Amino acid sequence: MDRSKWVLDSVRDWAAGLVTNWNRFWFEPRLPHTLALIRIATGSMLLYIHVVLAGDLLSFLGPDAWIDNATIRDLHQGAIVPENGDWGRSYLWWIDHAALLWGHHLLMLLVAAALMLGLGTRVVAPLAWGMQLMYVHRLTGSLFGLDQIVTMLLMYLMLAPCGAVYSLDAKLRGRFLHLVEGKWRGTWKAWMFPSAEASPAVTIATRLGQLHLCVIYLFGGLWKARGETWWDGSALWFSVANYEYQSLDVTWLVARYPLLCSAAAHATIFWETFYCALVWPKLTRPFVLMMAVMVHGGIAICLGMVTFGWIMIVANCLFVSPTFVRGLLSGSGGNKPH
């Protein structure tokens, strides 16, 4: 009888601990400083993307675009290859008038700039995500990882008060404090100008982004594991020797130190595959994040994909403690990332 009671108590304690840790993982209030920093970087990249797109907008979206609206609709709806149909939809499929496209694009530029500056963030963050998603579903065939990671980050930024600090919203809140205190507490004004206090919404958005990033790396590592060049260590050579991507010639380095470069290739696939496990423990996290900076920094410098390399480093900041960011940017130093 005593043994049965001990087993039941142990199971009950284990279950209670599991629930407590689950709630702590998802809902323990978290400061918004890291997400605010990511908002600035993501908003800047979003603005850059659409400034570049504006350089030849009608060739991508106009009535005589390289891939016209009818073709894009057929691709997404499976009319061309049935098994490749998906749920992606975009109102841009039905817009090809030059004036409307330019008006829409100007709005996109204003929204991206507002997100970067943190002006009306509660409104412009979901608007930026929605409009960017419409561009992504319209520009099938003209996208790469940069667009996808920016869209992913926007999706999670809109869930949290990412404009609570390092923003014009924070400046406005400080100037018009009476709008969000006293009788206005809890109203839409307080929602529009959130405080810099820790919030469960920040934790939820951060955890979702972290898990999404882990899945991306896991499948990236598994995909690499299917290639022979990653197993024999020659993948790094084929990457830096590819003139289609090469922006800095480091073939001399790979040729001079083949064993070192082979080890780097194996380290890369190990890091990418096991990122989802090694990034969580505090002991291994700094090394995982340093490896991310080296890998994506190398892609940016050597393979000509500066924007993609940069946005991947920004995405890895999801694992940087907001306390660390706050201390670092306030000039008082910071605690270790956790």
C-alpha atoms as a PDB file:
ATOM      1  CA  MET A   1       0.000   0.000   0.000  1.00  0.00           C
ATOM      2  CA  ASP A   2       2.800   2.386   0.944  1.00  0.00           C
ATOM      3  CA  ARG A   3       4.640   1.465  -2.260  1.00  0.00           C
ATOM      4  CA  SER A   4       1.538   2.159  -4.369  1.00  0.00           C
ATOM      5  CA  LYS A   5       1.123   5.532  -2.694  1.00  0.00           C
ATOM      6  CA  TRP A   6       4.773   6.343  -3.359  1.00  0.00           C
ATOM      7  CA  VAL A   7       4.372   5.499  -7.057  1.00  0.00           C
ATOM      8  CA  LEU A   8       1.218   7.625  -7.345  1.00  0.00           C
ATOM      9  CA  ASP A   9       2.888  10.550  -5.558  1.00  0.00           C
ATOM     10  CA  SER A  10       5.906  10.270  -7.857  1.00  0.00           C
ATOM     11  CA  VAL A  11       3.739  10.271 -10.954  1.00  0.00           C
ATOM     12  CA  ARG A  12       1.730  13.205  -9.614  1.00  0.00           C
ATOM     13  CA  ASP A  13       4.901  15.185  -8.868  1.00  0.00           C
ATOM     14  CA  TRP A  14       6.302  14.365 -12.312  1.00  0.00           C
ATOM     15  CA  ALA A  15       3.088  15.498 -13.999  1.00  0.00           C
ATOM     16  CA  ALA A  16       2.966  18.682 -11.915  1.00  0.00           C
ATOM     17  CA  GLY A  17       6.588  19.446 -12.825  1.00  0.00           C
ATOM     18  CA  LEU A  18       5.854  18.807 -16.498  1.00  0.00           C
ATOM     19  CA  VAL A  19       2.928  21.241 -16.455  1.00  0.00           C
ATOM     20  CA  THR A  20       4.977  23.831 -14.566  1.00  0.00           C
ATOM     21  CA  ASN A  21       7.876  23.615 -17.025  1.00  0.00           C
ATOM     22  CA  TRP A  22       5.491  23.702 -20.003  1.00  0.00           C
ATOM     23  CA  ASN A  23       3.845  26.855 -18.687  1.00  0.00           C
ATOM     24  CA  ARG A  24       7.220  28.416 -17.900  1.00  0.00           C
ATOM     25  CA  PHE A  25       8.507  27.616 -21.391  1.00  0.00           C
ATOM     26  CA  TRP A  26       5.524  29.132 -23.191  1.00  0.00           C
ATOM     27  CA  PHE A  27       4.044  31.746 -20.866  1.00  0.00           C
ATOM     28  CA  GLU A  28       6.637  33.092 -18.415  1.00  0.00           C
ATOM     29  CA  PRO A  29       6.723  36.861 -19.064  1.00  0.00           C
ATOM     30  CA  ARG A  30       9.697  37.991 -21.153  1.00  0.00           C
ATOM     31  CA  LEU A  31      11.100  41.425 -21.917  1.00  0.00           C
ATOM     32  CA  PRO A  32      10.540  42.710 -25.495  1.00  0.00           C
ATOM     33  CA  HIS A  33      14.058  44.026 -26.132  1.00  0.00           C
ATOM     34  CA  THR A  34      15.294  41.164 -28.337  1.00  0.00           C
ATOM     35  CA  LEU A  35      12.165  41.207 -30.501  1.00  0.00           C
ATOM     36  CA  ALA A  36      12.431  44.996 -30.774  1.00  0.00           C
ATOM     37  CA  LEU A  37      15.979  44.655 -32.095  1.00  0.00           C
ATOM     38  CA  ILE A  38      14.838  41.955 -34.539  1.00  0.00           C
ATOM     39  CA  ARG A  39      11.980  44.262 -35.599  1.00  0.00           C
ATOM     40  CA  ILE A  40      14.445  46.991 -36.571  1.00  0.00           C
ATOM     41  CA  ALA A  41      16.632  44.587 -38.552  1.00  0.00           C
ATOM     42  CA  THR A  42      13.711  42.817 -40.225  1.00  0.00           C
ATOM     43  CA  GLY A  43      11.947  46.073 -41.036  1.00  0.00           C
ATOM     44  CA  SER A  44      15.158  47.416 -42.569  1.00  0.00           C
ATOM     45  CA  MET A  45      15.545  44.302 -44.700  1.00  0.00           C
ATOM     46  CA  LEU A  46      11.886  44.425 -45.744  1.00  0.00           C
ATOM     47  CA  LEU A  47      12.329  48.035 -46.823  1.00  0.00           C
ATOM     48  CA  TYR A  48      15.485  47.132 -48.749  1.00  0.00           C
ATOM     49  CA  ILE A  49      13.744  44.243 -50.536  1.00  0.00           C
ATOM     50  CA  HIS A  50      10.934  46.446 -51.779  1.00  0.00           C
ATOM     51  CA  VAL A  51      13.190  49.355 -52.708  1.00  0.00           C
ATOM     52  CA  VAL A  52      15.110  46.931 -54.928  1.00  0.00           C
ATOM     53  CA  LEU A  53      11.861  45.511 -56.316  1.00  0.00           C
ATOM     54  CA  ALA A  54      10.724  49.049 -57.145  1.00  0.00           C
ATOM     55  CA  GLY A  55      13.665  49.299 -59.542  1.00  0.00           C
ATOM     56  CA  ASP A  56      11.803  47.071 -62.034  1.00  0.00           C
ATOM     57  CA  LEU A  57       8.382  46.611 -60.468  1.00  0.00           C
ATOM     58  CA  LEU A  58       6.303  46.090 -63.600  1.00  0.00           C
ATOM     59  CA  SER A  59       8.648  43.416 -64.926  1.00  0.00           C
ATOM     60  CA  PHE A  60       7.750  41.361 -61.853  1.00  0.00           C
ATOM     61  CA  LEU A  61       4.101  42.338 -61.344  1.00  0.00           C
ATOM     62  CA  GLY A  62       2.843  44.229 -64.379  1.00  0.00           C
ATOM     63  CA  PRO A  63       0.617  43.106 -67.267  1.00  0.00           C
ATOM     64  CA  ASP A  64       3.686  42.012 -69.237  1.00  0.00           C
ATOM     65  CA  ALA A  65       5.550  40.507 -66.268  1.00  0.00           C
ATOM     66  CA  TRP A  66       8.051  37.721 -66.843  1.00  0.00           C
ATOM     67  CA  ILE A  67       5.633  35.387 -65.053  1.00  0.00           C
ATOM     68  CA  ASP A  68       2.122  36.761 -65.527  1.00  0.00           C
ATOM     69  CA  ASN A  69      -0.837  36.514 -63.172  1.00  0.00           C
ATOM     70  CA  ALA A  70      -2.548  33.709 -65.079  1.00  0.00           C
ATOM     71  CA  THR A  71       0.553  31.521 -64.920  1.00  0.00           C
ATOM     72  CA  ILE A  72       1.034  32.150 -61.206  1.00  0.00           C
ATOM     73  CA  ARG A  73      -2.588  31.263 -60.499  1.00  0.00           C
ATOM     74  CA  ASP A  74      -2.243  28.053 -62.471  1.00  0.00           C
ATOM     75  CA  LEU A  75       0.960  27.136 -60.628  1.00  0.00           C
ATOM     76  CA  HIS A  76      -0.564  27.579 -57.173  1.00  0.00           C
ATOM     77  CA  GLN A  77      -3.891  25.986 -58.056  1.00  0.00           C
ATOM     78  CA  GLY A  78      -2.253  22.930 -59.608  1.00  0.00           C
ATOM     79  CA  ALA A  79      -3.525  23.516 -63.130  1.00  0.00           C
ATOM     80  CA  ILE A  80      -0.035  22.969 -64.591  1.00  0.00           C
ATOM     81  CA  VAL A  81       1.303  20.266 -62.246  1.00  0.00           C
ATOM     82  CA  PRO A  82      -1.597  18.986 -60.081  1.00  0.00           C
ATOM     83  CA  GLU A  83       0.627  17.567 -57.329  1.00  0.00           C
ATOM     84  CA  ASN A  84       2.357  20.952 -56.939  1.00  0.00           C
ATOM     85  CA  GLY A  85      -0.848  22.851 -56.157  1.00  0.00           C
ATOM     86  CA  ASP A  86      -0.966  24.587 -52.766  1.00  0.00           C
ATOM     87  CA  TRP A  87      -3.092  26.857 -50.591  1.00  0.00           C
ATOM     88  CA  GLY A  88      -1.120  29.999 -51.418  1.00  0.00           C
ATOM     89  CA  ARG A  89      -3.316  32.866 -52.596  1.00  0.00           C
ATOM     90  CA  SER A  90      -2.711  36.547 -53.351  1.00  0.00           C
ATOM     91  CA  TYR A  91      -4.924  39.474 -54.282  1.00  0.00           C
ATOM     92  CA  LEU A  92      -2.034  40.630 -56.510  1.00  0.00           C
ATOM     93  CA  TRP A  93      -3.053  37.874 -58.921  1.00  0.00           C
ATOM     94  CA  TRP A  94      -5.935  40.108 -59.997  1.00  0.00           C
ATOM     95  CA  ILE A  95      -4.046  43.407 -60.157  1.00  0.00           C
ATOM     96  CA  ASP A  96      -1.931  44.327 -63.179  1.00  0.00           C
ATOM     97  CA  HIS A  97      -2.749  48.013 -63.652  1.00  0.00           C
ATOM     98  CA  ALA A  98       0.466  50.020 -63.346  1.00  0.00           C
ATOM     99  CA  ALA A  99      -1.021  52.832 -61.216  1.00  0.00           C
ATOM    100  CA  LEU A 100      -2.595  50.394 -58.744  1.00  0.00           C
ATOM    101  CA  LEU A 101       0.605  48.385 -58.490  1.00  0.00           C
ATOM    102  CA  TRP A 102       2.704  51.474 -57.833  1.00  0.00           C
ATOM    103  CA  GLY A 103       0.205  52.754 -55.266  1.00  0.00           C
ATOM    104  CA  HIS A 104       0.231  49.394 -53.510  1.00  0.00           C
ATOM    105  CA  HIS A 105       4.029  49.287 -53.590  1.00  0.00           C
ATOM    106  CA  LEU A 106       4.316  52.787 -52.154  1.00  0.00           C
ATOM    107  CA  LEU A 107       2.092  51.672 -49.279  1.00  0.00           C
ATOM    108  CA  MET A 108       4.356  48.641 -48.783  1.00  0.00           C
ATOM    109  CA  LEU A 109       7.399  50.917 -48.568  1.00  0.00           C
ATOM    110  CA  LEU A 110       5.686  53.159 -46.010  1.00  0.00           C
ATOM    111  CA  VAL A 111       4.615  50.158 -43.920  1.00  0.00           C
ATOM    112  CA  ALA A 112       8.136  48.706 -43.985  1.00  0.00           C
ATOM    113  CA  ALA A 113       9.635  52.055 -42.951  1.00  0.00           C
ATOM    114  CA  ALA A 114       7.085  52.424 -40.142  1.00  0.00           C
ATOM    115  CA  LEU A 115       7.909  48.930 -38.880  1.00  0.00           C
ATOM    116  CA  MET A 116      11.618  49.678 -38.914  1.00  0.00           C
ATOM    117  CA  LEU A 117      11.091  52.913 -36.986  1.00  0.00           C
ATOM    118  CA  GLY A 118       8.475  51.398 -34.685  1.00  0.00           C
ATOM    119  CA  LEU A 119       5.668  53.795 -35.556  1.00  0.00           C
ATOM    120  CA  GLY A 120       2.185  52.346 -35.045  1.00  0.00           C
ATOM    121  CA  THR A 121       3.810  48.957 -34.661  1.00  0.00           C
ATOM    122  CA  ARG A 122       0.692  47.180 -33.450  1.00  0.00           C
ATOM    123  CA  VAL A 123      -0.961  48.003 -36.772  1.00  0.00           C
ATOM    124  CA  VAL A 124       1.915  48.008 -39.245  1.00  0.00           C
ATOM    125  CA  ALA A 125       3.437  44.694 -38.048  1.00  0.00           C
ATOM    126  CA  PRO A 126       0.457  42.525 -39.111  1.00  0.00           C
ATOM    127  CA  LEU A 127      -0.011  44.736 -42.169  1.00  0.00           C
ATOM    128  CA  ALA A 128       3.634  44.203 -43.147  1.00  0.00           C
ATOM    129  CA  TRP A 129       3.299  40.442 -42.754  1.00  0.00           C
ATOM    130  CA  GLY A 130       0.051  40.303 -44.753  1.00  0.00           C
ATOM    131  CA  MET A 131       1.330  42.442 -47.607  1.00  0.00           C
ATOM    132  CA  GLN A 132       4.664  40.636 -47.736  1.00  0.00           C
ATOM    133  CA  LEU A 133       2.831  37.312 -47.912  1.00  0.00           C
ATOM    134  CA  MET A 134       0.851  38.598 -50.886  1.00  0.00           C
ATOM    135  CA  TYR A 135       4.101  39.491 -52.647  1.00  0.00           C
ATOM    136  CA  VAL A 136       5.568  36.074 -51.833  1.00  0.00           C
ATOM    137  CA  HIS A 137       2.566  34.251 -53.328  1.00  0.00           C
ATOM    138  CA  ARG A 138       2.684  36.475 -56.411  1.00  0.00           C
ATOM    139  CA  LEU A 139       6.440  36.293 -57.006  1.00  0.00           C
ATOM    140  CA  THR A 140       6.762  32.520 -57.135  1.00  0.00           C
ATOM    141  CA  GLY A 141       9.851  31.773 -59.193  1.00  0.00           C
ATOM    142  CA  SER A 142      11.606  34.963 -58.106  1.00  0.00           C
ATOM    143  CA  LEU A 143      12.124  34.155 -54.439  1.00  0.00           C
ATOM    144  CA  PHE A 144      14.846  32.690 -52.287  1.00  0.00           C
ATOM    145  CA  GLY A 145      15.594  32.187 -48.606  1.00  0.00           C
ATOM    146  CA  LEU A 146      15.769  35.895 -47.774  1.00  0.00           C
ATOM    147  CA  ASP A 147      12.095  36.458 -48.605  1.00  0.00           C
ATOM    148  CA  GLN A 148      11.013  33.369 -46.693  1.00  0.00           C
ATOM    149  CA  ILE A 149      12.940  34.183 -43.507  1.00  0.00           C
ATOM    150  CA  VAL A 150      11.760  37.815 -43.530  1.00  0.00           C
ATOM    151  CA  THR A 151       8.155  36.620 -43.890  1.00  0.00           C
ATOM    152  CA  MET A 152       8.647  34.116 -41.063  1.00  0.00           C
ATOM    153  CA  LEU A 153      10.040  36.755 -38.702  1.00  0.00           C
ATOM    154  CA  LEU A 154       7.237  39.175 -39.540  1.00  0.00           C
ATOM    155  CA  MET A 155       4.675  36.489 -38.682  1.00  0.00           C
ATOM    156  CA  TYR A 156       5.989  36.181 -35.136  1.00  0.00           C
ATOM    157  CA  LEU A 157       6.808  39.851 -34.592  1.00  0.00           C
ATOM    158  CA  MET A 158       3.167  40.774 -35.132  1.00  0.00           C
ATOM    159  CA  LEU A 159       2.153  38.560 -32.196  1.00  0.00           C
ATOM    160  CA  ALA A 160       4.129  40.539 -29.645  1.00  0.00           C
ATOM    161  CA  PRO A 161       4.574  44.179 -28.538  1.00  0.00           C
ATOM    162  CA  CYS A 162       7.798  44.467 -30.528  1.00  0.00           C
ATOM    163  CA  GLY A 163       7.451  48.257 -30.629  1.00  0.00           C
ATOM    164  CA  ALA A 164       7.504  48.652 -26.846  1.00  0.00           C
ATOM    165  CA  VAL A 165      11.173  49.719 -26.899  1.00  0.00           C
ATOM    166  CA  TYR A 166      13.646  51.150 -29.421  1.00  0.00           C
ATOM    167  CA  SER A 167      10.757  52.726 -31.332  1.00  0.00           C
ATOM    168  CA  LEU A 168       8.837  55.910 -32.012  1.00  0.00           C
ATOM    169  CA  ASP A 169       5.906  54.275 -30.227  1.00  0.00           C
ATOM    170  CA  ALA A 170       8.011  54.183 -27.056  1.00  0.00           C
ATOM    171  CA  LYS A 171       8.842  57.871 -27.503  1.00  0.00           C
ATOM    172  CA  LEU A 172       5.174  58.724 -27.983  1.00  0.00           C
ATOM    173  CA  ARG A 173       4.183  56.665 -24.974  1.00  0.00           C
ATOM    174  CA  GLY A 174       6.705  58.529 -22.832  1.00  0.00           C
ATOM    175  CA  ARG A 175       5.441  61.886 -24.061  1.00  0.00           C
ATOM    176  CA  PHE A 176       1.737  61.090 -23.740  1.00  0.00           C
ATOM    177  CA  LEU A 177       1.846  58.842 -20.700  1.00  0.00           C
ATOM    178  CA  HIS A 178      -1.621  59.982 -19.620  1.00  0.00           C
ATOM    179  CA  LEU A 179      -3.058  58.258 -22.688  1.00  0.00           C
ATOM    180  CA  VAL A 180      -2.141  54.823 -21.376  1.00  0.00           C
ATOM    181  CA  GLU A 181      -2.310  55.327 -17.621  1.00  0.00           C
ATOM    182  CA  GLY A 182      -5.121  56.091 -15.246  1.00  0.00           C
ATOM    183  CA  LYS A 183      -8.572  55.838 -16.770  1.00  0.00           C
ATOM    184  CA  TRP A 184      -7.100  54.760 -20.122  1.00  0.00           C
ATOM    185  CA  ARG A 185      -5.338  51.709 -18.706  1.00  0.00           C
ATOM    186  CA  GLY A 186      -6.520  48.575 -20.501  1.00  0.00           C
ATOM    187  CA  THR A 187      -8.039  50.476 -23.429  1.00  0.00           C
ATOM    188  CA  TRP A 188      -6.929  50.445 -27.061  1.00  0.00           C
ATOM    189  CA  LYS A 189      -4.515  53.316 -26.329  1.00  0.00           C
ATOM    190  CA  ALA A 190      -2.615  51.120 -23.889  1.00  0.00           C
ATOM    191  CA  TRP A 191      -2.605  48.359 -26.518  1.00  0.00           C
ATOM    192  CA  MET A 192      -1.289  50.718 -29.186  1.00  0.00           C
ATOM    193  CA  PHE A 193       1.501  52.010 -26.943  1.00  0.00           C
ATOM    194  CA  PRO A 194       2.535  48.998 -24.823  1.00  0.00           C
ATOM    195  CA  SER A 195       4.926  49.330 -21.926  1.00  0.00           C
ATOM    196  CA  ALA A 196       8.395  47.802 -21.876  1.00  0.00           C
ATOM    197  CA  GLU A 197       7.412  45.383 -19.127  1.00  0.00           C
ATOM    198  CA  ALA A 198       7.815  41.628 -19.497  1.00  0.00           C
ATOM    199  CA  SER A 199       4.905  40.004 -21.309  1.00  0.00           C
ATOM    200  CA  PRO A 200       3.714  36.429 -22.008  1.00  0.00           C
ATOM    201  CA  ALA A 201       2.986  37.492 -25.614  1.00  0.00           C
ATOM    202  CA  VAL A 202       6.709  38.107 -26.123  1.00  0.00           C
ATOM    203  CA  THR A 203       7.482  34.628 -24.826  1.00  0.00           C
ATOM    204  CA  ILE A 204       4.913  32.967 -27.089  1.00  0.00           C
ATOM    205  CA  ALA A 205       6.181  34.815 -30.185  1.00  0.00           C
ATOM    206  CA  THR A 206       9.795  34.060 -29.295  1.00  0.00           C
ATOM    207  CA  ARG A 207       9.190  30.348 -28.683  1.00  0.00           C
ATOM    208  CA  LEU A 208       7.263  29.936 -31.925  1.00  0.00           C
ATOM    209  CA  GLY A 209      10.066  31.619 -33.851  1.00  0.00           C
ATOM    210  CA  GLN A 210      12.711  29.530 -32.098  1.00  0.00           C
ATOM    211  CA  LEU A 211      10.928  26.257 -32.867  1.00  0.00           C
ATOM    212  CA  HIS A 212      10.377  27.305 -36.487  1.00  0.00           C
ATOM    213  CA  LEU A 213      14.089  28.047 -36.850  1.00  0.00           C
ATOM    214  CA  CYS A 214      14.968  24.669 -35.337  1.00  0.00           C
ATOM    215  CA  VAL A 215      12.776  22.904 -37.891  1.00  0.00           C
ATOM    216  CA  ILE A 216      14.406  24.852 -40.742  1.00  0.00           C
ATOM    217  CA  TYR A 217      17.882  23.846 -39.635  1.00  0.00           C
ATOM    218  CA  LEU A 218      16.886  20.232 -39.001  1.00  0.00           C
ATOM    219  CA  PHE A 219      15.524  19.756 -42.513  1.00  0.00           C
ATOM    220  CA  GLY A 220      18.441  21.708 -43.976  1.00  0.00           C
ATOM    221  CA  GLY A 221      20.874  19.370 -42.264  1.00  0.00           C
ATOM    222  CA  LEU A 222      18.960  16.250 -43.296  1.00  0.00           C
ATOM    223  CA  TRP A 223      18.845  17.502 -46.893  1.00  0.00           C
ATOM    224  CA  LYS A 224      22.627  18.029 -46.867  1.00  0.00           C
ATOM    225  CA  ALA A 225      23.087  14.538 -45.464  1.00  0.00           C
ATOM    226  CA  ARG A 226      21.676  13.172 -48.742  1.00  0.00           C
ATOM    227  CA  GLY A 227      24.572  14.677 -50.708  1.00  0.00           C
ATOM    228  CA  GLU A 228      27.813  12.769 -51.176  1.00  0.00           C
ATOM    229  CA  THR A 229      29.917  15.931 -51.132  1.00  0.00           C
ATOM    230  CA  TRP A 230      28.978  16.585 -47.507  1.00  0.00           C
ATOM    231  CA  TRP A 231      30.100  13.090 -46.551  1.00  0.00           C
ATOM    232  CA  ASP A 232      33.420  13.174 -48.431  1.00  0.00           C
ATOM    233  CA  GLY A 233      34.131  16.736 -47.247  1.00  0.00           C
ATOM    234  CA  SER A 234      34.305  18.373 -50.683  1.00  0.00           C
ATOM    235  CA  ALA A 235      31.120  20.448 -50.296  1.00  0.00           C
ATOM    236  CA  LEU A 236      33.030  23.528 -49.154  1.00  0.00           C
ATOM    237  CA  TRP A 237      35.254  23.393 -52.228  1.00  0.00           C
ATOM    238  CA  PHE A 238      32.309  23.107 -54.626  1.00  0.00           C
ATOM    239  CA  SER A 239      30.623  26.036 -52.850  1.00  0.00           C
ATOM    240  CA  VAL A 240      33.505  28.510 -52.978  1.00  0.00           C
ATOM    241  CA  ALA A 241      34.615  27.426 -56.463  1.00  0.00           C
ATOM    242  CA  ASN A 242      31.161  28.067 -57.970  1.00  0.00           C
ATOM    243  CA  TYR A 243      31.507  31.239 -60.059  1.00  0.00           C
ATOM    244  CA  GLU A 244      27.748  31.711 -60.074  1.00  0.00           C
ATOM    245  CA  TYR A 245      27.874  32.652 -56.380  1.00  0.00           C
ATOM    246  CA  GLN A 246      31.498  33.541 -55.715  1.00  0.00           C
ATOM    247  CA  SER A 247      31.976  37.087 -54.432  1.00  0.00           C
ATOM    248  CA  LEU A 248      35.309  36.517 -52.684  1.00  0.00           C
ATOM    249  CA  ASP A 249      37.842  34.056 -54.061  1.00  0.00           C
ATOM    250  CA  VAL A 250      38.960  31.801 -51.219  1.00  0.00           C
ATOM    251  CA  THR A 251      39.695  28.763 -53.372  1.00  0.00           C
ATOM    252  CA  TRP A 252      43.382  29.195 -52.500  1.00  0.00           C
ATOM    253  CA  LEU A 253      42.534  28.645 -48.837  1.00  0.00           C
ATOM    254  CA  VAL A 254      40.516  25.499 -49.526  1.00  0.00           C
ATOM    255  CA  ALA A 255      43.223  24.136 -51.830  1.00  0.00           C
ATOM    256  CA  ARG A 256      46.010  24.845 -49.358  1.00  0.00           C
ATOM    257  CA  TYR A 257      44.266  23.326 -46.329  1.00  0.00           C
ATOM    258  CA  PRO A 258      42.054  20.521 -47.663  1.00  0.00           C
ATOM    259  CA  LEU A 259      41.832  18.632 -44.371  1.00  0.00           C
ATOM    260  CA  LEU A 260      40.774  21.744 -42.502  1.00  0.00           C
ATOM    261  CA  CYS A 261      38.100  22.533 -45.086  1.00  0.00           C
ATOM    262  CA  SER A 262      36.875  18.941 -45.064  1.00  0.00           C
ATOM    263  CA  ALA A 263      36.536  19.159 -41.278  1.00  0.00           C
ATOM    264  CA  ALA A 264      34.650  22.449 -41.665  1.00  0.00           C
ATOM    265  CA  ALA A 265      32.192  20.785 -44.055  1.00  0.00           C
ATOM    266  CA  HIS A 266      31.550  17.966 -41.577  1.00  0.00           C
ATOM    267  CA  ALA A 267      31.231  20.448 -38.707  1.00  0.00           C
ATOM    268  CA  THR A 268      28.679  22.440 -40.704  1.00  0.00           C
ATOM    269  CA  ILE A 269      26.393  19.501 -41.392  1.00  0.00           C
ATOM    270  CA  PHE A 270      26.694  18.335 -37.765  1.00  0.00           C
ATOM    271  CA  TRP A 271      25.875  21.828 -36.486  1.00  0.00           C
ATOM    272  CA  GLU A 272      22.910  22.269 -38.808  1.00  0.00           C
ATOM    273  CA  THR A 273      21.392  18.848 -38.134  1.00  0.00           C
ATOM    274  CA  PHE A 274      21.753  19.015 -34.355  1.00  0.00           C
ATOM    275  CA  TYR A 275      21.075  22.742 -33.969  1.00  0.00           C
ATOM    276  CA  CYS A 276      17.566  21.893 -32.739  1.00  0.00           C
ATOM    277  CA  ALA A 277      19.028  20.013 -29.763  1.00  0.00           C
ATOM    278  CA  LEU A 278      22.213  21.927 -28.970  1.00  0.00           C
ATOM    279  CA  VAL A 279      20.794  25.469 -29.059  1.00  0.00           C
ATOM    280  CA  TRP A 280      18.611  24.987 -25.961  1.00  0.00           C
ATOM    281  CA  PRO A 281      21.142  24.098 -23.203  1.00  0.00           C
ATOM    282  CA  LYS A 282      22.927  27.176 -21.820  1.00  0.00           C
ATOM    283  CA  LEU A 283      26.232  25.325 -21.951  1.00  0.00           C
ATOM    284  CA  THR A 284      26.194  24.733 -25.720  1.00  0.00           C
ATOM    285  CA  ARG A 285      24.085  27.677 -26.905  1.00  0.00           C
ATOM    286  CA  PRO A 286      26.919  30.251 -27.208  1.00  0.00           C
ATOM    287  CA  PHE A 287      28.925  27.844 -29.391  1.00  0.00           C
ATOM    288  CA  VAL A 288      25.885  27.091 -31.573  1.00  0.00           C
ATOM    289  CA  LEU A 289      25.188  30.792 -32.085  1.00  0.00           C
ATOM    290  CA  MET A 290      28.866  31.557 -32.804  1.00  0.00           C
ATOM    291  CA  MET A 291      28.808  28.796 -35.407  1.00  0.00           C
ATOM    292  CA  ALA A 292      25.683  30.379 -36.924  1.00  0.00           C
ATOM    293  CA  VAL A 293      27.489  33.707 -37.237  1.00  0.00           C
ATOM    294  CA  MET A 294      30.493  32.025 -38.882  1.00  0.00           C
ATOM    295  CA  VAL A 295      28.423  29.934 -41.318  1.00  0.00           C
ATOM    296  CA  HIS A 296      26.062  32.700 -42.381  1.00  0.00           C
ATOM    297  CA  GLY A 297      28.792  35.323 -42.262  1.00  0.00           C
ATOM    298  CA  GLY A 298      30.813  33.117 -44.619  1.00  0.00           C
ATOM    299  CA  ILE A 299      27.826  32.802 -46.943  1.00  0.00           C
ATOM    300  CA  ALA A 300      27.425  36.581 -46.931  1.00  0.00           C
ATOM    301  CA  ILE A 301      31.095  37.363 -47.582  1.00  0.00           C
ATOM    302  CA  CYS A 302      32.173  34.535 -49.881  1.00  0.00           C
ATOM    303  CA  LEU A 303      29.032  33.475 -51.749  1.00  0.00           C
ATOM    304  CA  GLY A 304      27.520  36.863 -52.540  1.00  0.00           C
ATOM    305  CA  MET A 305      24.357  36.339 -50.483  1.00  0.00           C
ATOM    306  CA  VAL A 306      24.869  39.239 -48.078  1.00  0.00           C
ATOM    307  CA  THR A 307      21.188  39.820 -47.374  1.00  0.00           C
ATOM    308  CA  PHE A 308      20.427  36.151 -46.751  1.00  0.00           C
ATOM    309  CA  GLY A 309      23.457  35.721 -44.508  1.00  0.00           C
ATOM    310  CA  TRP A 310      22.483  38.812 -42.536  1.00  0.00           C
ATOM    311  CA  ILE A 311      18.830  37.868 -42.037  1.00  0.00           C
ATOM    312  CA  MET A 312      19.806  34.374 -40.841  1.00  0.00           C
ATOM    313  CA  ILE A 313      22.062  35.932 -38.205  1.00  0.00           C
ATOM    314  CA  VAL A 314      19.136  38.152 -37.220  1.00  0.00           C
ATOM    315  CA  ALA A 315      16.869  35.093 -36.929  1.00  0.00           C
ATOM    316  CA  ASN A 316      19.394  33.439 -34.612  1.00  0.00           C
ATOM    317  CA  CYS A 317      19.022  36.429 -32.292  1.00  0.00           C
ATOM    318  CA  LEU A 318      15.742  34.830 -31.207  1.00  0.00           C
ATOM    319  CA  PHE A 319      17.911  32.786 -28.852  1.00  0.00           C
ATOM    320  CA  VAL A 320      19.603  35.848 -27.331  1.00  0.00           C
ATOM    321  CA  SER A 321      18.305  36.929 -23.938  1.00  0.00           C
ATOM    322  CA  PRO A 322      16.389  40.238 -23.870  1.00  0.00           C
ATOM    323  CA  THR A 323      18.197  41.038 -20.617  1.00  0.00           C
ATOM    324  CA  PHE A 324      21.486  40.716 -22.489  1.00  0.00           C
ATOM    325  CA  VAL A 325      20.228  42.942 -25.319  1.00  0.00           C
ATOM    326  CA  ARG A 326      18.911  45.562 -22.896  1.00  0.00           C
ATOM    327  CA  GLY A 327      22.199  45.672 -20.994  1.00  0.00           C
ATOM    328  CA  LEU A 328      24.255  45.746 -24.181  1.00  0.00           C
ATOM    329  CA  LEU A 329      22.322  48.582 -25.829  1.00  0.00           C
ATOM    330  CA  SER A 330      22.041  50.598 -22.622  1.00  0.00           C
ATOM    331  CA  GLY A 331      25.817  50.638 -22.357  1.00  0.00           C
ATOM    332  CA  SER A 332      25.834  48.808 -19.032  1.00  0.00           C
ATOM    333  CA  GLY A 333      27.035  45.508 -20.452  1.00  0.00           C
ATOM    334  CA  GLY A 334      24.827  42.440 -20.450  1.00  0.00           C
ATOM    335  CA  ASN A 335      24.302  39.112 -18.845  1.00  0.00           C
ATOM    336  CA  LYS A 336      25.129  35.965 -20.746  1.00  0.00           C
ATOM    337  CA  PRO A 337      22.576  35.007 -23.409  1.00  0.00           C
ATOM    338  CA  HIS A 338      19.993  32.588 -22.080  1.00  0.00           C
END
